[in-house]
Amino acid sequence: MSYFCDVNIHENYIKRCIQLAKNGQGTTFPNPLVGSVIVYNNKIIGEGWHRKAGEHHAEVNAIHSVKDKSLLSKATIYVTLEPCSHFGKTPPCADLIIKNNIPNVVIGTIDTNSIVAGAGIKRLIENGINVKVGVLEKECYELNKRFFTFHNKQRPYIILKWAESLDGFIAPLKKDKIKPVWISNSFSRQMVHKWRSEEQAILVGTQTVLDDNPILDVRDWKGNNPLRIVLDRNKKIPNNYNVMDKKTKTIIITEQENLTSDENLIFESVIFDKQLTKNSIQILYKLGVQSIFVEGGKQTLQTFIDNNLWDEARVFIGNTLLADGIKAPDLKGLTKISKIKDDELKLFYNHD
């Protein structure tokens, strides 16, 4: 039976490719998440995923994992994303597939990046390879929503996050100490650190830094610390605050000019007017930032919402009452609710 007859067989193997690809979450930027399996006689004989930018792509790792290379000429390779056809930090995957005489290729979705955009598929077909495209296409697109948003919309993928009390407040009006007031529980806070490890950058406003002096790292999870982005119009943040420690690369978006940058502390000048959010996002796009986790205060979050510059919002409802304070942002379009111990987690998705 041909591999190109049974759709369910394709879907099962592409599901495995997606599982493999997720192992690279947070480590492949600016490259996409890609997983690949090689199948011979209804058995997986090779697997691979892209681990880190500059290292081997998923197809290369899958081919290298096959012990008996003679089987490749009778096998099918499955991959979540169209094999690349250009020379970057590594050679084209399409050429490696051709070189190994793999006769069948099943692809989840086309790579819309202009340097690929169907060229890999074209090259495979021109070399006599059977190609099937669009198996679990929606799921494969979702896997790389950050990558596709960056290339298709020319901006980073934007996730908003906050915690609010049962009575709808994001923070108290006054605090005695410069540290966070925890509304969510410790399990939810650990989840936030996991989320931080999955995104390329984290963004906060001046007041959040002045009130809480956050580190903005992933100390409660194993993973990479995100790039820190701080909106600081008048450079109010003292040099002894955590975001200025240069331990993690940090971008300060400010109205001040002629500030001296170095490798881990970069100043970007922009006018703080009604276009601030859009202009800041464009700066980050030009710097190659594919995803942003926005953990700012009410003003910062609301500005993203008002400008309709967001893709997801993750909102914790803590099991606590503040009675008074700063009201949480208002967001419509509830999609999903789950529980993390005694916290409620609401997930919103912007489909505009």
Protein backbone atom coordinates (compact mmCIF):
# COMPACT_ATOMS: atom_id res chain seq x y z
CA MET A 1 0.00 0.00 0.00
CA SER A 2 1.31 3.47 -0.89
CA TYR A 3 2.04 5.93 1.88
CA PHE A 4 -0.04 8.42 -0.11
CA CYS A 5 -3.33 6.49 0.27
CA ASP A 6 -4.18 6.54 3.98
CA VAL A 7 -4.68 10.00 5.46
CA ASN A 8 -4.81 8.64 9.01
CA ILE A 9 -1.31 7.19 8.63
CA HIS A 10 -0.05 10.61 7.57
CA GLU A 11 -1.74 12.34 10.48
CA ASN A 12 -0.33 9.93 13.05
CA TYR A 13 3.21 10.52 11.86
CA ILE A 14 2.78 14.30 11.60
CA LYS A 15 1.43 14.26 15.19
CA ARG A 16 4.68 12.60 16.23
CA CYS A 17 6.61 15.27 14.29
CA ILE A 18 4.75 17.98 16.24
CA GLN A 19 5.60 16.26 19.53
CA LEU A 20 9.26 16.20 18.58
CA ALA A 21 9.26 19.81 17.40
CA LYS A 22 8.00 21.05 20.76
CA ASN A 23 11.25 19.87 22.36
CA GLY A 24 12.82 22.97 20.80
CA GLN A 25 10.35 25.45 22.33
CA GLY A 26 12.25 28.56 23.38
CA THR A 27 15.63 27.53 21.93
CA THR A 28 15.25 27.78 18.14
CA PHE A 29 14.71 31.53 17.66
CA PRO A 30 14.85 32.97 15.04
CA ASN A 31 14.23 29.61 13.38
CA PRO A 32 10.88 27.79 13.51
CA LEU A 33 10.03 24.68 15.52
CA VAL A 34 10.35 21.64 13.27
CA GLY A 35 10.03 17.91 13.86
CA SER A 36 10.62 15.05 11.45
CA VAL A 37 10.22 11.28 11.31
CA ILE A 38 11.29 8.76 8.69
CA VAL A 39 9.07 5.75 8.04
CA TYR A 40 9.79 2.49 6.26
CA ASN A 41 7.29 -0.37 6.05
CA ASN A 42 4.94 1.32 8.55
CA LYS A 43 7.73 1.64 11.12
CA ILE A 44 9.58 4.74 12.29
CA ILE A 45 13.27 4.24 11.56
CA GLY A 46 14.47 7.78 12.27
CA GLU A 47 13.45 10.86 14.27
CA GLY A 48 14.76 14.36 14.76
CA TRP A 49 13.91 17.93 15.69
CA HIS A 50 15.55 21.30 15.39
CA ARG A 51 17.23 22.04 18.71
CA LYS A 52 18.90 25.42 18.27
CA ALA A 53 19.53 28.05 15.61
CA GLY A 54 22.80 27.30 13.83
CA GLU A 55 22.58 23.58 14.53
CA HIS A 56 21.23 20.79 12.29
CA HIS A 57 17.62 21.05 11.15
CA ALA A 58 15.02 18.40 11.98
CA GLU A 59 15.34 16.54 8.67
CA VAL A 60 19.12 16.31 9.03
CA ASN A 61 18.86 14.91 12.56
CA ALA A 62 16.19 12.42 11.44
CA ILE A 63 18.30 11.19 8.50
CA HIS A 64 21.41 10.93 10.69
CA SER A 65 19.47 8.82 13.21
CA VAL A 66 18.63 6.11 10.66
CA LYS A 67 20.97 3.18 11.29
CA ASP A 68 20.48 1.41 7.94
CA LYS A 69 20.83 4.18 5.35
CA SER A 70 19.94 1.78 2.54
CA LEU A 71 16.31 1.98 3.69
CA LEU A 72 16.12 5.69 2.93
CA SER A 73 15.62 5.05 -0.79
CA LYS A 74 12.39 3.18 0.07
CA ALA A 75 11.16 5.40 2.91
CA THR A 76 8.92 8.39 3.54
CA ILE A 77 10.08 11.44 5.46
CA TYR A 78 7.49 13.41 7.40
CA VAL A 79 8.15 16.99 8.47
CA THR A 80 5.99 19.68 10.09
CA LEU A 81 7.31 22.48 7.86
CA GLU A 82 8.45 22.68 4.25
CA PRO A 83 12.15 21.72 3.98
CA CYS A 84 14.39 24.73 3.39
CA SER A 85 15.92 25.28 -0.03
CA HIS A 86 18.50 27.96 0.77
CA PHE A 87 21.94 28.15 2.33
CA GLY A 88 21.86 29.78 5.76
CA LYS A 89 23.96 28.65 8.70
CA THR A 90 23.33 25.11 7.42
CA PRO A 91 22.90 23.62 3.90
CA PRO A 92 19.41 23.16 2.35
CA CYS A 93 17.40 20.27 3.77
CA ALA A 94 15.68 19.74 0.42
CA ASP A 95 19.08 18.94 -1.12
CA LEU A 96 19.86 16.42 1.62
CA ILE A 97 16.55 14.63 1.00
CA ILE A 98 17.35 14.51 -2.73
CA LYS A 99 20.90 13.33 -2.07
CA ASN A 100 19.64 10.42 0.03
CA ASN A 101 17.08 9.40 -2.64
CA ILE A 102 14.13 9.54 -0.24
CA PRO A 103 11.20 9.03 -2.64
CA ASN A 104 8.28 10.38 -0.57
CA VAL A 105 7.89 13.55 1.49
CA VAL A 106 4.84 14.48 3.60
CA ILE A 107 4.73 18.09 4.81
CA GLY A 108 2.49 19.69 7.42
CA THR A 109 2.53 23.26 6.11
CA ILE A 110 4.32 25.49 3.63
CA ASP A 111 7.00 27.84 4.97
CA THR A 112 5.66 31.34 4.22
CA ASN A 113 9.04 32.96 4.88
CA SER A 114 9.91 34.68 1.58
CA ILE A 115 13.29 32.93 1.33
CA VAL A 116 11.51 29.55 1.21
CA ALA A 117 7.80 30.01 0.31
CA GLY A 118 7.33 26.90 -1.82
CA ALA A 119 10.85 26.78 -3.25
CA GLY A 120 11.73 23.71 -1.19
CA ILE A 121 8.66 21.83 -2.43
CA LYS A 122 9.39 22.89 -6.00
CA ARG A 123 12.93 21.57 -5.80
CA LEU A 124 11.77 18.22 -4.41
CA ILE A 125 9.15 17.77 -7.16
CA GLU A 126 11.62 18.77 -9.89
CA ASN A 127 13.84 15.94 -8.67
CA GLY A 128 11.11 13.32 -9.02
CA ILE A 129 10.07 13.12 -5.36
CA ASN A 130 6.44 12.50 -4.42
CA VAL A 131 5.31 15.37 -2.20
CA LYS A 132 2.13 15.68 -0.15
CA VAL A 133 1.41 19.00 1.60
CA GLY A 134 -1.19 20.10 4.14
CA VAL A 135 -1.44 17.17 6.57
CA LEU A 136 -2.60 18.60 9.92
CA GLU A 137 -1.87 21.99 8.41
CA LYS A 138 -3.76 23.95 11.09
CA GLU A 139 -1.89 22.19 13.90
CA CYS A 140 1.46 22.72 12.19
CA TYR A 141 0.69 26.41 11.67
CA GLU A 142 -0.27 26.75 15.34
CA LEU A 143 3.03 25.12 16.31
CA ASN A 144 4.87 28.01 14.62
CA LYS A 145 2.43 30.85 15.31
CA ARG A 146 5.33 33.03 16.49
CA PHE A 147 7.40 32.41 13.36
CA PHE A 148 4.45 32.93 11.00
CA THR A 149 3.22 36.08 12.75
CA PHE A 150 6.71 37.56 12.54
CA HIS A 151 7.06 36.89 8.80
CA ASN A 152 3.44 37.42 7.72
CA LYS A 153 2.49 40.41 9.89
CA GLN A 154 5.96 41.94 10.29
CA ARG A 155 5.70 42.03 14.07
CA PRO A 156 6.36 39.77 17.05
CA TYR A 157 3.73 37.39 18.42
CA ILE A 158 2.38 39.14 21.54
CA ILE A 159 1.14 37.41 24.70
CA LEU A 160 -0.34 39.47 27.54
CA LYS A 161 -0.26 38.15 31.09
CA TRP A 162 -1.54 39.38 34.42
CA ALA A 163 -3.01 38.19 37.70
CA GLU A 164 -6.07 39.78 39.26
CA SER A 165 -7.88 39.36 42.54
CA LEU A 166 -11.37 37.91 42.91
CA ASP A 167 -12.69 41.45 43.07
CA GLY A 168 -10.92 42.48 39.85
CA PHE A 169 -7.81 44.35 40.97
CA ILE A 170 -4.36 43.90 39.45
CA ALA A 171 -2.44 45.58 42.31
CA PRO A 172 -3.00 47.60 45.51
CA LEU A 173 -2.96 51.39 45.29
CA LYS A 174 -0.10 51.68 47.78
CA LYS A 175 2.74 49.38 48.86
CA ASP A 176 5.09 49.49 51.81
CA LYS A 177 8.00 47.68 50.12
CA ILE A 178 9.57 47.50 46.65
CA LYS A 179 8.60 43.94 45.84
CA PRO A 180 5.70 42.12 44.14
CA VAL A 181 2.35 41.63 45.85
CA TRP A 182 1.47 38.05 44.95
CA ILE A 183 -2.12 37.50 43.85
CA SER A 184 -1.67 34.08 42.21
CA ASN A 185 -0.38 30.94 43.97
CA SER A 186 3.12 29.44 43.74
CA PHE A 187 2.06 26.87 41.12
CA SER A 188 0.76 29.62 38.84
CA ARG A 189 3.96 31.61 39.34
CA GLN A 190 6.02 28.58 38.33
CA MET A 191 3.84 28.25 35.23
CA VAL A 192 4.68 31.86 34.37
CA HIS A 193 8.40 31.05 34.53
CA LYS A 194 7.81 28.14 32.16
CA TRP A 195 6.00 30.50 29.79
CA ARG A 196 8.86 33.00 29.99
CA SER A 197 11.29 30.28 28.90
CA GLU A 198 9.19 29.69 25.77
CA GLU A 199 9.24 33.29 24.52
CA GLN A 200 12.06 35.32 23.04
CA ALA A 201 11.42 38.47 25.09
CA ILE A 202 9.55 39.81 28.12
CA LEU A 203 8.26 43.39 28.30
CA VAL A 204 7.34 45.60 31.27
CA GLY A 205 6.78 49.30 31.89
CA THR A 206 8.60 51.75 34.14
CA GLN A 207 6.15 51.61 37.04
CA THR A 208 6.29 47.82 37.30
CA VAL A 209 10.08 47.99 37.61
CA LEU A 210 10.00 50.83 40.16
CA ASP A 211 7.28 49.13 42.26
CA ASP A 212 8.56 45.54 42.15
CA ASN A 213 12.24 45.61 41.07
CA PRO A 214 11.66 42.32 39.16
CA ILE A 215 14.42 40.08 37.82
CA LEU A 216 12.31 38.85 34.87
CA ASP A 217 14.09 35.50 34.61
CA VAL A 218 13.12 31.80 34.71
CA ARG A 219 14.61 30.90 38.09
CA ASP A 220 11.67 28.61 38.93
CA TRP A 221 11.99 26.68 35.65
CA LYS A 222 14.76 25.19 33.53
CA GLY A 223 15.22 27.14 30.33
CA ASN A 224 16.61 30.25 28.71
CA ASN A 225 16.02 33.66 30.25
CA PRO A 226 14.11 35.87 27.81
CA LEU A 227 15.44 39.13 26.46
CA ARG A 228 14.24 41.90 28.83
CA ILE A 229 12.46 44.92 27.33
CA VAL A 230 11.64 47.92 29.52
CA LEU A 231 9.66 51.04 28.58
CA ASP A 232 11.33 53.89 30.48
CA ARG A 233 10.48 57.27 28.98
CA ASN A 234 12.63 59.51 31.19
CA LYS A 235 15.19 56.93 32.35
CA LYS A 236 13.78 56.85 35.86
CA ILE A 237 15.01 53.36 36.70
CA PRO A 238 18.11 53.50 38.96
CA ASN A 239 21.24 51.67 37.81
CA ASN A 240 21.17 49.40 40.88
CA TYR A 241 17.84 47.83 39.88
CA ASN A 242 17.78 44.22 38.63
CA VAL A 243 16.89 45.03 35.02
CA MET A 244 20.05 47.13 34.76
CA ASP A 245 22.42 44.40 36.01
CA LYS A 246 23.49 43.29 32.50
CA LYS A 247 23.20 39.62 33.51
CA THR A 248 20.58 39.18 30.78
CA LYS A 249 20.39 41.15 27.54
CA THR A 250 18.07 44.11 28.11
CA ILE A 251 16.60 46.72 25.78
CA ILE A 252 15.50 50.03 27.32
CA ILE A 253 13.01 51.87 25.11
CA THR A 254 13.24 55.52 26.09
CA GLU A 255 12.65 59.06 24.86
CA GLN A 256 16.14 60.03 25.97
CA GLU A 257 18.74 60.29 23.22
CA ASN A 258 22.47 59.67 22.93
CA LEU A 259 22.59 57.09 25.74
CA THR A 260 25.53 54.69 25.61
CA SER A 261 24.64 51.06 24.85
CA ASP A 262 26.75 47.96 25.27
CA GLU A 263 26.32 44.28 24.43
CA ASN A 264 23.83 43.49 27.22
CA LEU A 265 22.22 46.89 27.83
CA ILE A 266 20.81 48.54 24.72
CA PHE A 267 19.01 51.89 24.56
CA GLU A 268 16.50 52.51 21.78
CA SER A 269 15.12 56.03 21.40
CA VAL A 270 11.48 56.61 20.43
CA ILE A 271 8.89 59.36 20.91
CA PHE A 272 6.41 58.47 23.69
CA ASP A 273 3.19 59.51 21.95
CA LYS A 274 0.03 57.70 20.82
CA GLN A 275 2.15 55.63 18.44
CA LEU A 276 4.50 54.40 21.18
CA THR A 277 3.26 50.81 21.24
CA LYS A 278 3.28 50.45 17.46
CA ASN A 279 6.68 52.12 17.13
CA SER A 280 8.17 50.00 19.92
CA ILE A 281 6.87 46.84 18.27
CA GLN A 282 8.46 47.91 14.99
CA ILE A 283 11.80 48.46 16.71
CA LEU A 284 11.61 44.94 18.15
CA TYR A 285 10.62 43.52 14.76
CA LYS A 286 13.68 45.14 13.16
CA LEU A 287 15.80 43.62 15.95
CA GLY A 288 14.44 40.16 15.03
CA VAL A 289 12.29 39.61 18.13
CA GLN A 290 9.66 37.00 17.21
CA SER A 291 7.65 36.85 20.43
CA ILE A 292 6.98 39.07 23.44
CA PHE A 293 5.54 38.14 26.82
CA VAL A 294 4.00 41.34 28.20
CA GLU A 295 3.92 41.38 32.01
CA GLY A 296 3.52 45.11 32.55
CA GLY A 297 1.14 47.00 34.78
CA LYS A 298 -2.36 48.21 33.93
CA GLN A 299 -1.21 51.09 31.71
CA THR A 300 1.18 49.02 29.63
CA LEU A 301 -1.26 46.14 29.19
CA GLN A 302 -4.17 48.43 28.36
CA THR A 303 -2.12 50.24 25.71
CA PHE A 304 -1.50 46.94 23.90
CA ILE A 305 -5.20 46.09 24.15
CA ASP A 306 -6.34 49.53 22.95
CA ASN A 307 -4.01 49.29 19.94
CA ASN A 308 -5.25 45.74 19.23
CA LEU A 309 -1.63 44.57 19.37
CA TRP A 310 -1.98 41.23 21.06
CA ASP A 311 -2.49 37.59 20.07
CA GLU A 312 -3.11 35.84 23.39
CA ALA A 313 -3.88 36.87 26.95
CA ARG A 314 -3.31 34.60 29.95
CA VAL A 315 -5.12 35.86 33.03
CA PHE A 316 -4.92 34.34 36.50
CA ILE A 317 -7.78 34.95 38.93
CA GLY A 318 -6.22 34.52 42.36
CA ASN A 319 -8.11 33.30 45.41
CA THR A 320 -7.72 36.62 47.21
CA LEU A 321 -9.52 39.93 47.76
CA LEU A 322 -7.85 43.34 47.66
CA ALA A 323 -11.01 45.41 48.36
CA ASP A 324 -9.43 48.36 46.55
CA GLY A 325 -6.61 48.98 44.11
CA ILE A 326 -5.78 49.28 40.41
CA LYS A 327 -8.50 47.74 38.27
CA ALA A 328 -7.45 44.92 35.96
CA PRO A 329 -7.62 45.44 32.17
CA ASP A 330 -10.90 44.55 30.53
CA LEU A 331 -10.79 41.94 27.79
CA LYS A 332 -13.55 40.28 25.80
CA GLY A 333 -13.67 36.99 23.93
CA LEU A 334 -13.12 34.35 26.60
CA THR A 335 -12.06 31.08 25.01
CA LYS A 336 -10.91 28.69 27.71
CA ILE A 337 -10.88 28.35 31.50
CA SER A 338 -8.75 25.97 33.56
CA LYS A 339 -7.65 25.61 37.18
CA ILE A 340 -4.18 25.69 38.75
CA LYS A 341 -4.93 24.55 42.27
CA ASP A 342 -7.10 27.36 43.73
CA ASP A 343 -6.34 29.84 40.90
CA GLU A 344 -8.47 30.17 37.80
CA LEU A 345 -6.69 30.63 34.48
CA LYS A 346 -8.52 32.36 31.66
CA LEU A 347 -7.12 32.18 28.14
CA PHE A 348 -8.12 34.72 25.50
CA TYR A 349 -7.26 34.67 21.80
CA ASN A 350 -7.38 37.64 19.45
CA HIS A 351 -8.59 36.53 16.04
CA ASP A 352 -8.68 39.99 14.45
